[in-house]
ModelCIF file with pLDDT and N, C-alpha, C, O atoms, coordinates in Angstrom:
data_MODEL
#
_entry.id   MODEL 
#
_entity.id                         1 
_entity.type                       polymer 
_entity.pdbx_number_of_molecules   1 
#
_entity_poly.entity_id                      1 
_entity_poly.type                           'polypeptide(L)' 
_entity_poly.nstd_linkage                   no 
_entity_poly.nstd_monomer                   no 
_entity_poly.pdbx_seq_one_letter_code       DEAKRFAEALTSEYGNKKQVDVRIVRLGDVYGPRMMLSSGNYIARLIK 
_entity_poly.pdbx_seq_one_letter_code_can   DEAKRFAEALTSEYGNKKQVDVRIVRLGDVYGPRMMLSSGNYIARLIK 
_entity_poly.pdbx_strand_id                 A 
#
loop_
_entity_poly_seq.entity_id 
_entity_poly_seq.num 
_entity_poly_seq.mon_id 
_entity_poly_seq.hetero 
1 1  ASP n 
1 2  GLU n 
1 3  ALA n 
1 4  LYS n 
1 5  ARG n 
1 6  PHE n 
1 7  ALA n 
1 8  GLU n 
1 9  ALA n 
1 10 LEU n 
1 11 THR n 
1 12 SER n 
1 13 GLU n 
1 14 TYR n 
1 15 GLY n 
1 16 ASN n 
1 17 LYS n 
1 18 LYS n 
1 19 GLN n 
1 20 VAL n 
1 21 ASP n 
1 22 VAL n 
1 23 ARG n 
1 24 ILE n 
1 25 VAL n 
1 26 ARG n 
1 27 LEU n 
1 28 GLY n 
1 29 ASP n 
1 30 VAL n 
1 31 TYR n 
1 32 GLY n 
1 33 PRO n 
1 34 ARG n 
1 35 MET n 
1 36 MET n 
1 37 LEU n 
1 38 SER n 
1 39 SER n 
1 40 GLY n 
1 41 ASN n 
1 42 TYR n 
1 43 ILE n 
1 44 ALA n 
1 45 ARG n 
1 46 LEU n 
1 47 ILE n 
1 48 LYS n 
#
_struct_asym.id          A 
_struct_asym.entity_id   1 
#
loop_
_ma_qa_metric.id 
_ma_qa_metric.mode 
_ma_qa_metric.name 
_ma_qa_metric.software_group_id 
_ma_qa_metric.type 
1 global pLDDT . pLDDT 
2 local  pLDDT . pLDDT 
#
_ma_qa_metric_global.metric_id      1 
_ma_qa_metric_global.metric_value   89.50 
_ma_qa_metric_global.model_id       1 
_ma_qa_metric_global.ordinal_id     1 
#
loop_
_ma_qa_metric_local.label_asym_id 
_ma_qa_metric_local.label_comp_id 
_ma_qa_metric_local.label_seq_id 
_ma_qa_metric_local.metric_id 
_ma_qa_metric_local.metric_value 
_ma_qa_metric_local.model_id 
_ma_qa_metric_local.ordinal_id 
A ASP 1  2 75.00 1 1  
A GLU 2  2 85.00 1 2  
A ALA 3  2 86.00 1 3  
A LYS 4  2 85.00 1 4  
A ARG 5  2 86.00 1 5  
A PHE 6  2 91.00 1 6  
A ALA 7  2 91.00 1 7  
A GLU 8  2 90.00 1 8  
A ALA 9  2 91.00 1 9  
A LEU 10 2 91.00 1 10 
A THR 11 2 91.00 1 11 
A SER 12 2 90.00 1 12 
A GLU 13 2 91.00 1 13 
A TYR 14 2 90.00 1 14 
A GLY 15 2 89.00 1 15 
A ASN 16 2 89.00 1 16 
A LYS 17 2 92.00 1 17 
A LYS 18 2 90.00 1 18 
A GLN 19 2 89.00 1 19 
A VAL 20 2 88.00 1 20 
A ASP 21 2 89.00 1 21 
A VAL 22 2 92.00 1 22 
A ARG 23 2 93.00 1 23 
A ILE 24 2 94.00 1 24 
A VAL 25 2 95.00 1 25 
A ARG 26 2 93.00 1 26 
A LEU 27 2 93.00 1 27 
A GLY 28 2 92.00 1 28 
A ASP 29 2 93.00 1 29 
A VAL 30 2 95.00 1 30 
A TYR 31 2 96.00 1 31 
A GLY 32 2 95.00 1 32 
A PRO 33 2 93.00 1 33 
A ARG 34 2 90.00 1 34 
A MET 35 2 91.00 1 35 
A MET 36 2 88.00 1 36 
A LEU 37 2 87.00 1 37 
A SER 38 2 83.00 1 38 
A SER 39 2 80.00 1 39 
A GLY 40 2 75.00 1 40 
A ASN 41 2 82.00 1 41 
A TYR 42 2 87.00 1 42 
A ILE 43 2 92.00 1 43 
A ALA 44 2 92.00 1 44 
A ARG 45 2 90.00 1 45 
A LEU 46 2 92.00 1 46 
A ILE 47 2 93.00 1 47 
A LYS 48 2 91.00 1 48 
#
loop_
_atom_site.group_PDB 
_atom_site.id 
_atom_site.type_symbol 
_atom_site.label_atom_id 
_atom_site.label_alt_id 
_atom_site.label_comp_id 
_atom_site.label_asym_id 
_atom_site.label_entity_id 
_atom_site.label_seq_id 
_atom_site.pdbx_PDB_ins_code 
_atom_site.Cartn_x 
_atom_site.Cartn_y 
_atom_site.Cartn_z 
_atom_site.occupancy 
_atom_site.B_iso_or_equiv 
_atom_site.pdbx_formal_charge 
_atom_site.auth_seq_id 
_atom_site.auth_comp_id 
_atom_site.auth_asym_id 
_atom_site.auth_atom_id 
_atom_site.pdbx_PDB_model_num 
ATOM 1   N N  . ASP A 1 1  ? -184.990 203.591 -78.077 1.00 75.00 ? 1  ASP A N  1 
ATOM 2   C CA . ASP A 1 1  ? -184.273 202.294 -78.302 1.00 75.00 ? 1  ASP A CA 1 
ATOM 3   C C  . ASP A 1 1  ? -183.150 202.586 -77.830 1.00 75.00 ? 1  ASP A C  1 
ATOM 4   O O  . ASP A 1 1  ? -182.838 201.965 -76.814 1.00 75.00 ? 1  ASP A O  1 
ATOM 5   N N  . GLU A 1 2  ? -182.270 203.488 -78.312 1.00 85.00 ? 2  GLU A N  1 
ATOM 6   C CA . GLU A 1 2  ? -181.169 203.348 -77.639 1.00 85.00 ? 2  GLU A CA 1 
ATOM 7   C C  . GLU A 1 2  ? -181.091 202.953 -76.087 1.00 85.00 ? 2  GLU A C  1 
ATOM 8   O O  . GLU A 1 2  ? -180.354 202.056 -75.677 1.00 85.00 ? 2  GLU A O  1 
ATOM 9   N N  . ALA A 1 3  ? -182.156 203.925 -75.051 1.00 86.00 ? 3  ALA A N  1 
ATOM 10  C CA . ALA A 1 3  ? -181.971 203.324 -73.940 1.00 86.00 ? 3  ALA A CA 1 
ATOM 11  C C  . ALA A 1 3  ? -182.496 202.040 -73.734 1.00 86.00 ? 3  ALA A C  1 
ATOM 12  O O  . ALA A 1 3  ? -182.349 201.623 -72.585 1.00 86.00 ? 3  ALA A O  1 
ATOM 13  N N  . LYS A 1 4  ? -183.142 201.200 -74.628 1.00 85.00 ? 4  LYS A N  1 
ATOM 14  C CA . LYS A 1 4  ? -183.091 200.073 -74.396 1.00 85.00 ? 4  LYS A CA 1 
ATOM 15  C C  . LYS A 1 4  ? -182.056 199.310 -74.435 1.00 85.00 ? 4  LYS A C  1 
ATOM 16  O O  . LYS A 1 4  ? -181.888 198.336 -73.701 1.00 85.00 ? 4  LYS A O  1 
ATOM 17  N N  . ARG A 1 5  ? -181.285 199.704 -75.303 1.00 86.00 ? 5  ARG A N  1 
ATOM 18  C CA . ARG A 1 5  ? -179.929 198.399 -75.713 1.00 86.00 ? 5  ARG A CA 1 
ATOM 19  C C  . ARG A 1 5  ? -179.029 199.170 -74.790 1.00 86.00 ? 5  ARG A C  1 
ATOM 20  O O  . ARG A 1 5  ? -178.052 198.468 -74.527 1.00 86.00 ? 5  ARG A O  1 
ATOM 21  N N  . PHE A 1 6  ? -178.980 200.225 -74.253 1.00 91.00 ? 6  PHE A N  1 
ATOM 22  C CA . PHE A 1 6  ? -178.327 199.961 -72.724 1.00 91.00 ? 6  PHE A CA 1 
ATOM 23  C C  . PHE A 1 6  ? -178.556 199.368 -71.771 1.00 91.00 ? 6  PHE A C  1 
ATOM 24  O O  . PHE A 1 6  ? -177.805 198.638 -71.125 1.00 91.00 ? 6  PHE A O  1 
ATOM 25  N N  . ALA A 1 7  ? -180.095 199.750 -71.524 1.00 91.00 ? 7  ALA A N  1 
ATOM 26  C CA . ALA A 1 7  ? -180.270 198.466 -70.464 1.00 91.00 ? 7  ALA A CA 1 
ATOM 27  C C  . ALA A 1 7  ? -180.167 197.070 -70.214 1.00 91.00 ? 7  ALA A C  1 
ATOM 28  O O  . ALA A 1 7  ? -180.156 196.497 -69.125 1.00 91.00 ? 7  ALA A O  1 
ATOM 29  N N  . GLU A 1 8  ? -180.064 196.401 -71.833 1.00 90.00 ? 8  GLU A N  1 
ATOM 30  C CA . GLU A 1 8  ? -179.943 195.441 -72.085 1.00 90.00 ? 8  GLU A CA 1 
ATOM 31  C C  . GLU A 1 8  ? -178.415 195.348 -72.106 1.00 90.00 ? 8  GLU A C  1 
ATOM 32  O O  . GLU A 1 8  ? -178.116 194.167 -71.926 1.00 90.00 ? 8  GLU A O  1 
ATOM 33  N N  . ALA A 1 9  ? -177.226 196.185 -72.265 1.00 91.00 ? 9  ALA A N  1 
ATOM 34  C CA . ALA A 1 9  ? -175.845 195.849 -72.215 1.00 91.00 ? 9  ALA A CA 1 
ATOM 35  C C  . ALA A 1 9  ? -175.583 195.979 -70.788 1.00 91.00 ? 9  ALA A C  1 
ATOM 36  O O  . ALA A 1 9  ? -174.808 195.247 -70.171 1.00 91.00 ? 9  ALA A O  1 
ATOM 37  N N  . LEU A 1 10 ? -176.314 197.019 -70.244 1.00 91.00 ? 10 LEU A N  1 
ATOM 38  C CA . LEU A 1 10 ? -175.602 196.642 -68.754 1.00 91.00 ? 10 LEU A CA 1 
ATOM 39  C C  . LEU A 1 10 ? -176.329 195.605 -68.176 1.00 91.00 ? 10 LEU A C  1 
ATOM 40  O O  . LEU A 1 10 ? -175.622 195.038 -67.343 1.00 91.00 ? 10 LEU A O  1 
ATOM 41  N N  . THR A 1 11 ? -177.348 195.154 -68.254 1.00 91.00 ? 11 THR A N  1 
ATOM 42  C CA . THR A 1 11 ? -177.739 193.681 -67.579 1.00 91.00 ? 11 THR A CA 1 
ATOM 43  C C  . THR A 1 11 ? -177.235 192.658 -67.628 1.00 91.00 ? 11 THR A C  1 
ATOM 44  O O  . THR A 1 11 ? -177.232 191.815 -66.731 1.00 91.00 ? 11 THR A O  1 
ATOM 45  N N  . SER A 1 12 ? -176.645 192.570 -68.872 1.00 90.00 ? 12 SER A N  1 
ATOM 46  C CA . SER A 1 12 ? -175.760 191.479 -69.823 1.00 90.00 ? 12 SER A CA 1 
ATOM 47  C C  . SER A 1 12 ? -174.541 191.653 -68.797 1.00 90.00 ? 12 SER A C  1 
ATOM 48  O O  . SER A 1 12 ? -174.205 190.650 -68.168 1.00 90.00 ? 12 SER A O  1 
ATOM 49  N N  . GLU A 1 13 ? -173.876 192.822 -68.590 1.00 91.00 ? 13 GLU A N  1 
ATOM 50  C CA . GLU A 1 13 ? -172.544 193.037 -68.160 1.00 91.00 ? 13 GLU A CA 1 
ATOM 51  C C  . GLU A 1 13 ? -172.476 192.771 -66.750 1.00 91.00 ? 13 GLU A C  1 
ATOM 52  O O  . GLU A 1 13 ? -171.506 192.158 -66.306 1.00 91.00 ? 13 GLU A O  1 
ATOM 53  N N  . TYR A 1 14 ? -173.289 193.119 -66.088 1.00 90.00 ? 14 TYR A N  1 
ATOM 54  C CA . TYR A 1 14 ? -174.072 192.692 -64.743 1.00 90.00 ? 14 TYR A CA 1 
ATOM 55  C C  . TYR A 1 14 ? -173.861 191.298 -64.519 1.00 90.00 ? 14 TYR A C  1 
ATOM 56  O O  . TYR A 1 14 ? -172.953 191.028 -63.733 1.00 90.00 ? 14 TYR A O  1 
ATOM 57  N N  . GLY A 1 15 ? -174.397 190.493 -64.955 1.00 89.00 ? 15 GLY A N  1 
ATOM 58  C CA . GLY A 1 15 ? -174.732 189.163 -65.295 1.00 89.00 ? 15 GLY A CA 1 
ATOM 59  C C  . GLY A 1 15 ? -173.470 188.609 -64.878 1.00 89.00 ? 15 GLY A C  1 
ATOM 60  O O  . GLY A 1 15 ? -173.024 188.121 -63.839 1.00 89.00 ? 15 GLY A O  1 
ATOM 61  N N  . ASN A 1 16 ? -172.885 188.939 -66.473 1.00 89.00 ? 16 ASN A N  1 
ATOM 62  C CA . ASN A 1 16 ? -171.756 188.221 -66.312 1.00 89.00 ? 16 ASN A CA 1 
ATOM 63  C C  . ASN A 1 16 ? -170.773 188.385 -65.632 1.00 89.00 ? 16 ASN A C  1 
ATOM 64  O O  . ASN A 1 16 ? -170.004 187.424 -65.679 1.00 89.00 ? 16 ASN A O  1 
ATOM 65  N N  . LYS A 1 17 ? -170.292 189.638 -64.675 1.00 92.00 ? 17 LYS A N  1 
ATOM 66  C CA . LYS A 1 17 ? -169.097 189.821 -64.005 1.00 92.00 ? 17 LYS A CA 1 
ATOM 67  C C  . LYS A 1 17 ? -169.339 189.563 -62.592 1.00 92.00 ? 17 LYS A C  1 
ATOM 68  O O  . LYS A 1 17 ? -168.440 189.293 -61.796 1.00 92.00 ? 17 LYS A O  1 
ATOM 69  N N  . LYS A 1 18 ? -170.978 189.679 -62.206 1.00 90.00 ? 18 LYS A N  1 
ATOM 70  C CA . LYS A 1 18 ? -171.167 189.360 -60.652 1.00 90.00 ? 18 LYS A CA 1 
ATOM 71  C C  . LYS A 1 18 ? -171.846 187.955 -60.586 1.00 90.00 ? 18 LYS A C  1 
ATOM 72  O O  . LYS A 1 18 ? -172.348 187.501 -59.557 1.00 90.00 ? 18 LYS A O  1 
ATOM 73  N N  . GLN A 1 19 ? -171.808 187.294 -61.827 1.00 89.00 ? 19 GLN A N  1 
ATOM 74  C CA . GLN A 1 19 ? -172.411 185.787 -61.734 1.00 89.00 ? 19 GLN A CA 1 
ATOM 75  C C  . GLN A 1 19 ? -173.863 185.917 -61.475 1.00 89.00 ? 19 GLN A C  1 
ATOM 76  O O  . GLN A 1 19 ? -174.270 185.217 -60.548 1.00 89.00 ? 19 GLN A O  1 
ATOM 77  N N  . VAL A 1 20 ? -174.598 186.536 -61.985 1.00 88.00 ? 20 VAL A N  1 
ATOM 78  C CA . VAL A 1 20 ? -176.052 186.992 -61.174 1.00 88.00 ? 20 VAL A CA 1 
ATOM 79  C C  . VAL A 1 20 ? -177.024 186.242 -62.590 1.00 88.00 ? 20 VAL A C  1 
ATOM 80  O O  . VAL A 1 20 ? -176.870 186.490 -63.786 1.00 88.00 ? 20 VAL A O  1 
ATOM 81  N N  . ASP A 1 21 ? -177.923 185.377 -62.016 1.00 89.00 ? 21 ASP A N  1 
ATOM 82  C CA . ASP A 1 21 ? -178.835 184.816 -62.947 1.00 89.00 ? 21 ASP A CA 1 
ATOM 83  C C  . ASP A 1 21 ? -179.831 185.695 -63.883 1.00 89.00 ? 21 ASP A C  1 
ATOM 84  O O  . ASP A 1 21 ? -180.987 185.833 -63.485 1.00 89.00 ? 21 ASP A O  1 
ATOM 85  N N  . VAL A 1 22 ? -179.598 186.052 -64.611 1.00 92.00 ? 22 VAL A N  1 
ATOM 86  C CA . VAL A 1 22 ? -180.221 187.167 -65.225 1.00 92.00 ? 22 VAL A CA 1 
ATOM 87  C C  . VAL A 1 22 ? -180.746 186.800 -66.613 1.00 92.00 ? 22 VAL A C  1 
ATOM 88  O O  . VAL A 1 22 ? -179.775 186.351 -67.222 1.00 92.00 ? 22 VAL A O  1 
ATOM 89  N N  . ARG A 1 23 ? -181.919 186.779 -67.466 1.00 93.00 ? 23 ARG A N  1 
ATOM 90  C CA . ARG A 1 23 ? -182.266 187.062 -68.569 1.00 93.00 ? 23 ARG A CA 1 
ATOM 91  C C  . ARG A 1 23 ? -182.987 188.525 -69.081 1.00 93.00 ? 23 ARG A C  1 
ATOM 92  O O  . ARG A 1 23 ? -183.444 189.430 -68.383 1.00 93.00 ? 23 ARG A O  1 
ATOM 93  N N  . ILE A 1 24 ? -182.911 188.409 -70.597 1.00 94.00 ? 24 ILE A N  1 
ATOM 94  C CA . ILE A 1 24 ? -183.250 189.393 -71.130 1.00 94.00 ? 24 ILE A CA 1 
ATOM 95  C C  . ILE A 1 24 ? -184.576 189.336 -71.809 1.00 94.00 ? 24 ILE A C  1 
ATOM 96  O O  . ILE A 1 24 ? -184.657 188.574 -72.772 1.00 94.00 ? 24 ILE A O  1 
ATOM 97  N N  . VAL A 1 25 ? -185.569 189.982 -71.482 1.00 95.00 ? 25 VAL A N  1 
ATOM 98  C CA . VAL A 1 25 ? -186.874 189.268 -72.332 1.00 95.00 ? 25 VAL A CA 1 
ATOM 99  C C  . VAL A 1 25 ? -187.322 190.645 -73.014 1.00 95.00 ? 25 VAL A C  1 
ATOM 100 O O  . VAL A 1 25 ? -187.572 191.627 -72.316 1.00 95.00 ? 25 VAL A O  1 
ATOM 101 N N  . ARG A 1 26 ? -187.403 190.668 -74.275 1.00 93.00 ? 26 ARG A N  1 
ATOM 102 C CA . ARG A 1 26 ? -188.168 191.574 -75.260 1.00 93.00 ? 26 ARG A CA 1 
ATOM 103 C C  . ARG A 1 26 ? -189.495 191.478 -75.634 1.00 93.00 ? 26 ARG A C  1 
ATOM 104 O O  . ARG A 1 26 ? -189.744 190.562 -76.418 1.00 93.00 ? 26 ARG A O  1 
ATOM 105 N N  . LEU A 1 27 ? -190.345 192.127 -75.308 1.00 93.00 ? 27 LEU A N  1 
ATOM 106 C CA . LEU A 1 27 ? -191.547 192.227 -75.712 1.00 93.00 ? 27 LEU A CA 1 
ATOM 107 C C  . LEU A 1 27 ? -192.073 193.097 -77.412 1.00 93.00 ? 27 LEU A C  1 
ATOM 108 O O  . LEU A 1 27 ? -191.649 193.989 -78.147 1.00 93.00 ? 27 LEU A O  1 
ATOM 109 N N  . GLY A 1 28 ? -193.171 192.180 -77.350 1.00 92.00 ? 28 GLY A N  1 
ATOM 110 C CA . GLY A 1 28 ? -193.830 192.998 -78.771 1.00 92.00 ? 28 GLY A CA 1 
ATOM 111 C C  . GLY A 1 28 ? -194.741 193.861 -78.307 1.00 92.00 ? 28 GLY A C  1 
ATOM 112 O O  . GLY A 1 28 ? -194.574 194.364 -77.196 1.00 92.00 ? 28 GLY A O  1 
ATOM 113 N N  . ASP A 1 29 ? -195.809 194.157 -79.054 1.00 93.00 ? 29 ASP A N  1 
ATOM 114 C CA . ASP A 1 29 ? -196.789 195.287 -78.724 1.00 93.00 ? 29 ASP A CA 1 
ATOM 115 C C  . ASP A 1 29 ? -197.763 194.400 -77.750 1.00 93.00 ? 29 ASP A C  1 
ATOM 116 O O  . ASP A 1 29 ? -198.683 193.813 -78.320 1.00 93.00 ? 29 ASP A O  1 
ATOM 117 N N  . VAL A 1 30 ? -197.669 194.285 -76.658 1.00 95.00 ? 30 VAL A N  1 
ATOM 118 C CA . VAL A 1 30 ? -198.459 193.700 -75.861 1.00 95.00 ? 30 VAL A CA 1 
ATOM 119 C C  . VAL A 1 30 ? -199.924 194.200 -75.412 1.00 95.00 ? 30 VAL A C  1 
ATOM 120 O O  . VAL A 1 30 ? -200.122 195.285 -74.865 1.00 95.00 ? 30 VAL A O  1 
ATOM 121 N N  . TYR A 1 31 ? -200.936 193.241 -75.725 1.00 96.00 ? 31 TYR A N  1 
ATOM 122 C CA . TYR A 1 31 ? -202.058 193.783 -75.386 1.00 96.00 ? 31 TYR A CA 1 
ATOM 123 C C  . TYR A 1 31 ? -203.353 192.467 -74.595 1.00 96.00 ? 31 TYR A C  1 
ATOM 124 O O  . TYR A 1 31 ? -203.187 191.250 -74.683 1.00 96.00 ? 31 TYR A O  1 
ATOM 125 N N  . GLY A 1 32 ? -204.428 193.066 -73.954 1.00 95.00 ? 32 GLY A N  1 
ATOM 126 C CA . GLY A 1 32 ? -205.176 192.592 -73.671 1.00 95.00 ? 32 GLY A CA 1 
ATOM 127 C C  . GLY A 1 32 ? -206.280 193.052 -72.591 1.00 95.00 ? 32 GLY A C  1 
ATOM 128 O O  . GLY A 1 32 ? -206.560 194.251 -72.559 1.00 95.00 ? 32 GLY A O  1 
ATOM 129 N N  . PRO A 1 33 ? -206.942 192.136 -71.677 1.00 93.00 ? 33 PRO A N  1 
ATOM 130 C CA . PRO A 1 33 ? -207.901 192.953 -70.609 1.00 93.00 ? 33 PRO A CA 1 
ATOM 131 C C  . PRO A 1 33 ? -206.639 193.743 -69.503 1.00 93.00 ? 33 PRO A C  1 
ATOM 132 O O  . PRO A 1 33 ? -205.454 193.668 -69.177 1.00 93.00 ? 33 PRO A O  1 
ATOM 133 N N  . ARG A 1 34 ? -207.855 194.477 -69.262 1.00 90.00 ? 34 ARG A N  1 
ATOM 134 C CA . ARG A 1 34 ? -207.084 195.578 -68.061 1.00 90.00 ? 34 ARG A CA 1 
ATOM 135 C C  . ARG A 1 34 ? -205.952 196.031 -68.673 1.00 90.00 ? 34 ARG A C  1 
ATOM 136 O O  . ARG A 1 34 ? -205.107 196.409 -67.861 1.00 90.00 ? 34 ARG A O  1 
ATOM 137 N N  . MET A 1 35 ? -205.635 196.126 -69.824 1.00 91.00 ? 35 MET A N  1 
ATOM 138 C CA . MET A 1 35 ? -204.334 197.162 -70.559 1.00 91.00 ? 35 MET A CA 1 
ATOM 139 C C  . MET A 1 35 ? -204.686 198.466 -70.333 1.00 91.00 ? 35 MET A C  1 
ATOM 140 O O  . MET A 1 35 ? -205.834 198.911 -70.355 1.00 91.00 ? 35 MET A O  1 
ATOM 141 N N  . MET A 1 36 ? -203.644 199.090 -70.107 1.00 88.00 ? 36 MET A N  1 
ATOM 142 C CA . MET A 1 36 ? -203.924 200.623 -69.529 1.00 88.00 ? 36 MET A CA 1 
ATOM 143 C C  . MET A 1 36 ? -203.880 201.295 -71.049 1.00 88.00 ? 36 MET A C  1 
ATOM 144 O O  . MET A 1 36 ? -202.899 201.333 -71.791 1.00 88.00 ? 36 MET A O  1 
ATOM 145 N N  . LEU A 1 37 ? -205.292 201.845 -71.326 1.00 87.00 ? 37 LEU A N  1 
ATOM 146 C CA . LEU A 1 37 ? -205.761 202.352 -72.474 1.00 87.00 ? 37 LEU A CA 1 
ATOM 147 C C  . LEU A 1 37 ? -205.232 204.073 -72.505 1.00 87.00 ? 37 LEU A C  1 
ATOM 148 O O  . LEU A 1 37 ? -205.533 204.903 -73.363 1.00 87.00 ? 37 LEU A O  1 
ATOM 149 N N  . SER A 1 38 ? -204.377 204.274 -71.304 1.00 83.00 ? 38 SER A N  1 
ATOM 150 C CA . SER A 1 38 ? -204.142 205.893 -71.261 1.00 83.00 ? 38 SER A CA 1 
ATOM 151 C C  . SER A 1 38 ? -202.065 205.496 -71.596 1.00 83.00 ? 38 SER A C  1 
ATOM 152 O O  . SER A 1 38 ? -201.168 206.339 -71.570 1.00 83.00 ? 38 SER A O  1 
ATOM 153 N N  . SER A 1 39 ? -201.944 204.257 -71.820 1.00 80.00 ? 39 SER A N  1 
ATOM 154 C CA . SER A 1 39 ? -200.336 204.131 -71.940 1.00 80.00 ? 39 SER A CA 1 
ATOM 155 C C  . SER A 1 39 ? -199.614 204.425 -73.080 1.00 80.00 ? 39 SER A C  1 
ATOM 156 O O  . SER A 1 39 ? -198.404 204.205 -73.126 1.00 80.00 ? 39 SER A O  1 
ATOM 157 N N  . GLY A 1 40 ? -200.314 204.966 -74.135 1.00 75.00 ? 40 GLY A N  1 
ATOM 158 C CA . GLY A 1 40 ? -199.655 205.300 -75.516 1.00 75.00 ? 40 GLY A CA 1 
ATOM 159 C C  . GLY A 1 40 ? -199.706 204.399 -76.150 1.00 75.00 ? 40 GLY A C  1 
ATOM 160 O O  . GLY A 1 40 ? -199.831 204.681 -77.342 1.00 75.00 ? 40 GLY A O  1 
ATOM 161 N N  . ASN A 1 41 ? -199.657 203.072 -75.870 1.00 82.00 ? 41 ASN A N  1 
ATOM 162 C CA . ASN A 1 41 ? -199.383 201.699 -76.941 1.00 82.00 ? 41 ASN A CA 1 
ATOM 163 C C  . ASN A 1 41 ? -200.511 201.836 -78.105 1.00 82.00 ? 41 ASN A C  1 
ATOM 164 O O  . ASN A 1 41 ? -201.730 201.982 -78.004 1.00 82.00 ? 41 ASN A O  1 
ATOM 165 N N  . TYR A 1 42 ? -199.745 201.747 -79.144 1.00 87.00 ? 42 TYR A N  1 
ATOM 166 C CA . TYR A 1 42 ? -200.552 201.598 -80.355 1.00 87.00 ? 42 TYR A CA 1 
ATOM 167 C C  . TYR A 1 42 ? -202.279 200.923 -80.360 1.00 87.00 ? 42 TYR A C  1 
ATOM 168 O O  . TYR A 1 42 ? -203.373 201.428 -80.613 1.00 87.00 ? 42 TYR A O  1 
ATOM 169 N N  . ILE A 1 43 ? -201.942 199.894 -80.047 1.00 92.00 ? 43 ILE A N  1 
ATOM 170 C CA . ILE A 1 43 ? -203.450 198.755 -79.862 1.00 92.00 ? 43 ILE A CA 1 
ATOM 171 C C  . ILE A 1 43 ? -203.980 199.583 -78.968 1.00 92.00 ? 43 ILE A C  1 
ATOM 172 O O  . ILE A 1 43 ? -204.928 200.160 -79.500 1.00 92.00 ? 43 ILE A O  1 
ATOM 173 N N  . ALA A 1 44 ? -203.783 200.019 -77.546 1.00 92.00 ? 44 ALA A N  1 
ATOM 174 C CA . ALA A 1 44 ? -204.582 200.338 -76.711 1.00 92.00 ? 44 ALA A CA 1 
ATOM 175 C C  . ALA A 1 44 ? -205.559 201.786 -76.916 1.00 92.00 ? 44 ALA A C  1 
ATOM 176 O O  . ALA A 1 44 ? -206.581 202.084 -76.297 1.00 92.00 ? 44 ALA A O  1 
ATOM 177 N N  . ARG A 1 45 ? -204.776 202.639 -78.130 1.00 90.00 ? 45 ARG A N  1 
ATOM 178 C CA . ARG A 1 45 ? -205.232 203.778 -78.658 1.00 90.00 ? 45 ARG A CA 1 
ATOM 179 C C  . ARG A 1 45 ? -206.464 203.668 -79.437 1.00 90.00 ? 45 ARG A C  1 
ATOM 180 O O  . ARG A 1 45 ? -207.361 204.509 -79.485 1.00 90.00 ? 45 ARG A O  1 
ATOM 181 N N  . LEU A 1 46 ? -206.396 202.154 -80.251 1.00 92.00 ? 46 LEU A N  1 
ATOM 182 C CA . LEU A 1 46 ? -207.381 202.180 -81.457 1.00 92.00 ? 46 LEU A CA 1 
ATOM 183 C C  . LEU A 1 46 ? -208.340 201.405 -80.520 1.00 92.00 ? 46 LEU A C  1 
ATOM 184 O O  . LEU A 1 46 ? -209.496 201.322 -80.935 1.00 92.00 ? 46 LEU A O  1 
ATOM 185 N N  . ILE A 1 47 ? -208.050 200.790 -79.259 1.00 93.00 ? 47 ILE A N  1 
ATOM 186 C CA . ILE A 1 47 ? -209.499 200.019 -78.459 1.00 93.00 ? 47 ILE A CA 1 
ATOM 187 C C  . ILE A 1 47 ? -209.758 200.902 -77.948 1.00 93.00 ? 47 ILE A C  1 
ATOM 188 O O  . ILE A 1 47 ? -210.988 200.954 -77.919 1.00 93.00 ? 47 ILE A O  1 
ATOM 189 N N  . LYS A 1 48 ? -209.286 201.825 -77.413 1.00 91.00 ? 48 LYS A N  1 
ATOM 190 C CA . LYS A 1 48 ? -209.643 202.866 -76.399 1.00 91.00 ? 48 LYS A CA 1 
ATOM 191 C C  . LYS A 1 48 ? -210.668 203.576 -77.348 1.00 91.00 ? 48 LYS A C  1 
ATOM 192 O O  . LYS A 1 48 ? -211.284 204.569 -76.960 1.00 91.00 ? 48 LYS A O  1 
#
């Protein structure tokens, strides 16, 4: 969780200082066809 927060803060700061067009997209528990069932995703474990 802290690593994600750091990545978001770094992206936002870089975007502001360098005037880069960035967005931060947070994802929930993504699932669907062709998902990697060995990924460790909780839903992937159940589907597998």
